[in-house]
Amino acid sequence: MATDYDAPRKGEEELPEDSLEELTSRRNDKESGTVDVDEAEAAESFELPGADLSHEELTVQVLPRQANEFTCASCFLVKSRTQIAKTSGANEYCVDCV
């Protein structure tokens, strides 16, 4: 909804007032905007950096660099030979780092 900032503001006598019955019904409403959250319970569900992961096992098989791959001299990622950038130096760089 667009707001006209140039329009004159309403005075206090022009503002609509809610009746006492409306206000008490909103207070007793079960679906009110307030939410009670236990901060301790919420914090337990987060995994913090540097957490102890000694009980975890790696399930990824690590392969050595293949003949059709190279290691970028800038980002040190192993990439396919199709990713080599055309440079004049002796080092091999990927197209992302050039």
C-alpha atoms as a PDB file:
ATOM      1  CA  MET A   1       0.000   0.000   0.000  1.00  0.00           C
ATOM      2  CA  ALA A   2       1.403   3.383  -1.025  1.00  0.00           C
ATOM      3  CA  THR A   3       1.765   6.057   1.625  1.00  0.00           C
ATOM      4  CA  ASP A   4       1.214   9.709   0.819  1.00  0.00           C
ATOM      5  CA  TYR A   5       3.757  11.520   2.977  1.00  0.00           C
ATOM      6  CA  ASP A   6       2.419  14.925   1.915  1.00  0.00           C
ATOM      7  CA  ALA A   7      -1.069  14.268   3.320  1.00  0.00           C
ATOM      8  CA  PRO A   8      -1.849  15.947   6.644  1.00  0.00           C
ATOM      9  CA  ARG A   9      -1.597  13.725   9.701  1.00  0.00           C
ATOM     10  CA  LYS A  10      -4.624  12.824  11.743  1.00  0.00           C
ATOM     11  CA  GLY A  11      -4.925  14.241  15.223  1.00  0.00           C
ATOM     12  CA  GLU A  12      -5.547  12.121  18.297  1.00  0.00           C
ATOM     13  CA  GLU A  13      -9.243  12.886  18.207  1.00  0.00           C
ATOM     14  CA  GLU A  14      -9.499  11.477  14.666  1.00  0.00           C
ATOM     15  CA  LEU A  15      -7.800   8.129  15.397  1.00  0.00           C
ATOM     16  CA  PRO A  16     -10.192   5.216  15.861  1.00  0.00           C
ATOM     17  CA  GLU A  17     -10.310   3.780  19.351  1.00  0.00           C
ATOM     18  CA  ASP A  18     -10.787   0.081  20.051  1.00  0.00           C
ATOM     19  CA  SER A  19     -13.485  -0.851  22.467  1.00  0.00           C
ATOM     20  CA  LEU A  20     -12.631  -2.461  25.796  1.00  0.00           C
ATOM     21  CA  GLU A  21     -14.298  -5.706  24.681  1.00  0.00           C
ATOM     22  CA  GLU A  22     -12.105  -5.877  21.554  1.00  0.00           C
ATOM     23  CA  LEU A  23      -8.926  -5.344  23.539  1.00  0.00           C
ATOM     24  CA  THR A  24      -9.757  -8.010  26.126  1.00  0.00           C
ATOM     25  CA  SER A  25     -10.704 -10.513  23.407  1.00  0.00           C
ATOM     26  CA  ARG A  26      -7.359  -9.939  21.665  1.00  0.00           C
ATOM     27  CA  ARG A  27      -5.486 -10.432  24.934  1.00  0.00           C
ATOM     28  CA  ASN A  28      -7.178 -13.779  25.551  1.00  0.00           C
ATOM     29  CA  ASP A  29      -6.746 -14.895  21.941  1.00  0.00           C
ATOM     30  CA  LYS A  30      -4.683 -18.096  21.666  1.00  0.00           C
ATOM     31  CA  GLU A  31      -3.179 -17.029  18.340  1.00  0.00           C
ATOM     32  CA  SER A  32      -1.708 -13.762  19.572  1.00  0.00           C
ATOM     33  CA  GLY A  33       1.601 -12.448  18.234  1.00  0.00           C
ATOM     34  CA  THR A  34       3.640 -13.384  21.302  1.00  0.00           C
ATOM     35  CA  VAL A  35       5.797 -16.492  21.181  1.00  0.00           C
ATOM     36  CA  ASP A  36       7.406 -18.094  24.211  1.00  0.00           C
ATOM     37  CA  VAL A  37      10.704 -19.721  23.230  1.00  0.00           C
ATOM     38  CA  ASP A  38      13.089 -21.367  25.639  1.00  0.00           C
ATOM     39  CA  GLU A  39      16.477 -20.021  24.556  1.00  0.00           C
ATOM     40  CA  ALA A  40      18.367 -22.954  26.072  1.00  0.00           C
ATOM     41  CA  GLU A  41      16.373 -25.474  24.013  1.00  0.00           C
ATOM     42  CA  ALA A  42      16.814 -23.427  20.849  1.00  0.00           C
ATOM     43  CA  ALA A  43      20.587 -23.176  21.380  1.00  0.00           C
ATOM     44  CA  GLU A  44      20.985 -26.958  21.724  1.00  0.00           C
ATOM     45  CA  SER A  45      19.800 -27.555  18.163  1.00  0.00           C
ATOM     46  CA  PHE A  46      22.598 -25.448  16.595  1.00  0.00           C
ATOM     47  CA  GLU A  47      25.955 -26.959  15.615  1.00  0.00           C
ATOM     48  CA  LEU A  48      28.739 -24.604  16.634  1.00  0.00           C
ATOM     49  CA  PRO A  49      31.969 -24.206  14.645  1.00  0.00           C
ATOM     50  CA  GLY A  50      34.856 -26.015  16.277  1.00  0.00           C
ATOM     51  CA  ALA A  51      32.571 -28.663  17.754  1.00  0.00           C
ATOM     52  CA  ASP A  52      34.047 -32.053  18.663  1.00  0.00           C
ATOM     53  CA  LEU A  53      33.572 -34.286  15.617  1.00  0.00           C
ATOM     54  CA  SER A  54      35.949 -37.043  16.722  1.00  0.00           C
ATOM     55  CA  HIS A  55      33.118 -39.592  16.812  1.00  0.00           C
ATOM     56  CA  GLU A  56      32.249 -38.920  13.132  1.00  0.00           C
ATOM     57  CA  GLU A  57      33.545 -41.128  10.303  1.00  0.00           C
ATOM     58  CA  LEU A  58      34.389 -39.990   6.796  1.00  0.00           C
ATOM     59  CA  THR A  59      32.476 -41.855   4.127  1.00  0.00           C
ATOM     60  CA  VAL A  60      34.103 -40.166   1.112  1.00  0.00           C
ATOM     61  CA  GLN A  61      36.657 -42.032  -0.948  1.00  0.00           C
ATOM     62  CA  VAL A  62      39.583 -39.746  -1.816  1.00  0.00           C
ATOM     63  CA  LEU A  63      41.147 -40.338  -5.225  1.00  0.00           C
ATOM     64  CA  PRO A  64      44.546 -39.055  -6.360  1.00  0.00           C
ATOM     65  CA  ARG A  65      44.713 -36.478  -9.151  1.00  0.00           C
ATOM     66  CA  GLN A  66      43.905 -38.110 -12.493  1.00  0.00           C
ATOM     67  CA  ALA A  67      45.767 -37.644 -15.789  1.00  0.00           C
ATOM     68  CA  ASN A  68      43.062 -35.307 -17.146  1.00  0.00           C
ATOM     69  CA  GLU A  69      43.157 -33.020 -14.078  1.00  0.00           C
ATOM     70  CA  PHE A  70      45.458 -30.270 -12.765  1.00  0.00           C
ATOM     71  CA  THR A  71      45.877 -28.295  -9.533  1.00  0.00           C
ATOM     72  CA  CYS A  72      45.330 -24.553  -9.848  1.00  0.00           C
ATOM     73  CA  ALA A  73      48.316 -22.528  -8.596  1.00  0.00           C
ATOM     74  CA  SER A  74      46.017 -19.876  -7.094  1.00  0.00           C
ATOM     75  CA  CYS A  75      43.044 -21.628  -5.449  1.00  0.00           C
ATOM     76  CA  PHE A  76      44.717 -25.075  -5.175  1.00  0.00           C
ATOM     77  CA  LEU A  77      41.601 -26.886  -6.352  1.00  0.00           C
ATOM     78  CA  VAL A  78      41.898 -29.931  -8.573  1.00  0.00           C
ATOM     79  CA  LYS A  79      40.077 -29.179 -11.804  1.00  0.00           C
ATOM     80  CA  SER A  80      39.618 -30.698 -15.231  1.00  0.00           C
ATOM     81  CA  ARG A  81      42.182 -29.808 -17.921  1.00  0.00           C
ATOM     82  CA  THR A  82      39.374 -28.071 -19.817  1.00  0.00           C
ATOM     83  CA  GLN A  83      39.427 -25.421 -17.041  1.00  0.00           C
ATOM     84  CA  ILE A  84      43.066 -24.351 -17.672  1.00  0.00           C
ATOM     85  CA  ALA A  85      43.368 -20.654 -18.551  1.00  0.00           C
ATOM     86  CA  LYS A  86      45.712 -19.576 -21.330  1.00  0.00           C
ATOM     87  CA  THR A  87      48.582 -17.816 -19.507  1.00  0.00           C
ATOM     88  CA  SER A  88      52.185 -17.124 -20.465  1.00  0.00           C
ATOM     89  CA  GLY A  89      53.653 -18.250 -17.113  1.00  0.00           C
ATOM     90  CA  ALA A  90      54.846 -21.691 -16.075  1.00  0.00           C
ATOM     91  CA  ASN A  91      52.107 -22.082 -13.454  1.00  0.00           C
ATOM     92  CA  GLU A  92      48.708 -23.458 -14.387  1.00  0.00           C
ATOM     93  CA  TYR A  93      45.687 -21.384 -13.340  1.00  0.00           C
ATOM     94  CA  CYS A  94      42.001 -22.180 -13.694  1.00  0.00           C
ATOM     95  CA  VAL A  95      39.693 -19.869 -15.653  1.00  0.00           C
ATOM     96  CA  ASP A  96      37.983 -18.821 -12.392  1.00  0.00           C
ATOM     97  CA  CYS A  97      41.206 -17.406 -10.903  1.00  0.00           C
ATOM     98  CA  VAL A  98      42.471 -15.576 -13.988  1.00  0.00           C
END
